[in-house]
Every structure is written in structure tokens, then in C-alpha cells.
Amino acid sequence: MRHLVFLLEEPSAREMLEGVVPKIIPESSGIAITYIVFEGKQDLEKRVKKKLEGWRTPDSCFIVMRDQDSGNCYTIKSTLQHKVDQAGKKDCTLIRIACRELEAFYLGDLAAVETALNIPRLASKQGQKKFRDPDIVGNAAEELKTVTQKQYQKIAGSRAIGPHMDLHNNKSTSFNMLVAAIRKLLSECEGC
């Protein structure tokens, strides 16, 4: 793989990944990174097959990422996998679902939020039950706004928090699965 392409539901995911991915894939690796941002989950689901079919850069692998929101994780992943299979990119594409929202990633690393938004003692809340398993928080975006006293804004907050995220100590299982997916593609993907 010489090219890793992220197909994303929203701009805030790109902002977060631009801070996280360089910690996984050093610039010296020679791997080009592209972020394709859709206009929401419906737009992603509608256009992902066509985008994959039309991709002509050789030695490319893909990660499709979207929020679970209130949907069934398995149904969402199955629907996206079917589109990936139809596009002929099954062997070089991984799908990751943020359970329930991207903001659960941030709730899983309150130390990063504390540093990025300059909120003293926020990391000390990580031991609270809801922050030990942030993927089950029903409305992570609202919870994040609450714990940051409304300092968190979706795009600017994602841009600020991403570079501070700890790849090894995040309480969000879905974040850890995303990091593992990137590493898996680095080690296994031969491209399409």
C-alpha cells in the first residue's frame, strides 16, 4: 500500500484523523493519505460504491468510517460491506463504526480533551462509570459539551483534540478498533 484513503461521514472525523494518523503512519513512510468527506451518513452510503469504483490510484487501501448513531451497528456495517463488495474493493477496504458517535472517542481520552481545550482536572473524571466505557453513552456529543462547559465545538474541537489523543490508553473500544484497522492495513494490504 502506498495510499490510504479514508471515506468519512463528516468533516470533524477528518479533523480528528489529521491529528491521529501521523502518530500511526510517520511522514517518512511514503504513504499518501487522502480524506474524502461526505455530506453526512446518507450521502456516504449513497455514494461510497461509486467513489470506490471510480478510484484509479494504484496500491490504494480504504477505511470507511461512519457514526452508529441510533442504528444497529451490524446492519450498518453489513450495508456498507455490501457496497464495498459490489465496488470490487473487498480485499483492500475496512469498515469502522464509531459507537455511537465520534465524540465517544474523545470521552474515552479526557486527558486529551483537558489538554486541547485547557480544562483543568477534566482527566480526573475518566474513572467515572460513563467515561470508562464511552461507546455506550447515548449522546456523546452532548455529554462532551456538558463536561467541557460548552467549550467543545465539533470541527474546531476535533482539530484541537486529535493531536493529543493517546493511541494506547483510550477507553473507547471503537477508537481502539479504528487504530487497529489502520495498523492492519499497513501490515497486510497489498492495494487494489
Foldseek 3Di string as FASTA:
>chain_A
DQEEEEEEFALLVVLLCVQAVCVQQPPVNNRHYYYHYAPGDVRCLVCVLVVLLPDDDWQYAYEYEDACQPHDPVVSLVSVLVSCVVSVRNQRYHYAYQQHHPLLQCLQPVVLLCVLLVPPPSRVCCPPPCSLEVSPPNCSVVVVCVSSVNSDDRRSSSNSRNNSRDQPRGSYPSSVVVSVVVVCSVVDPRTD
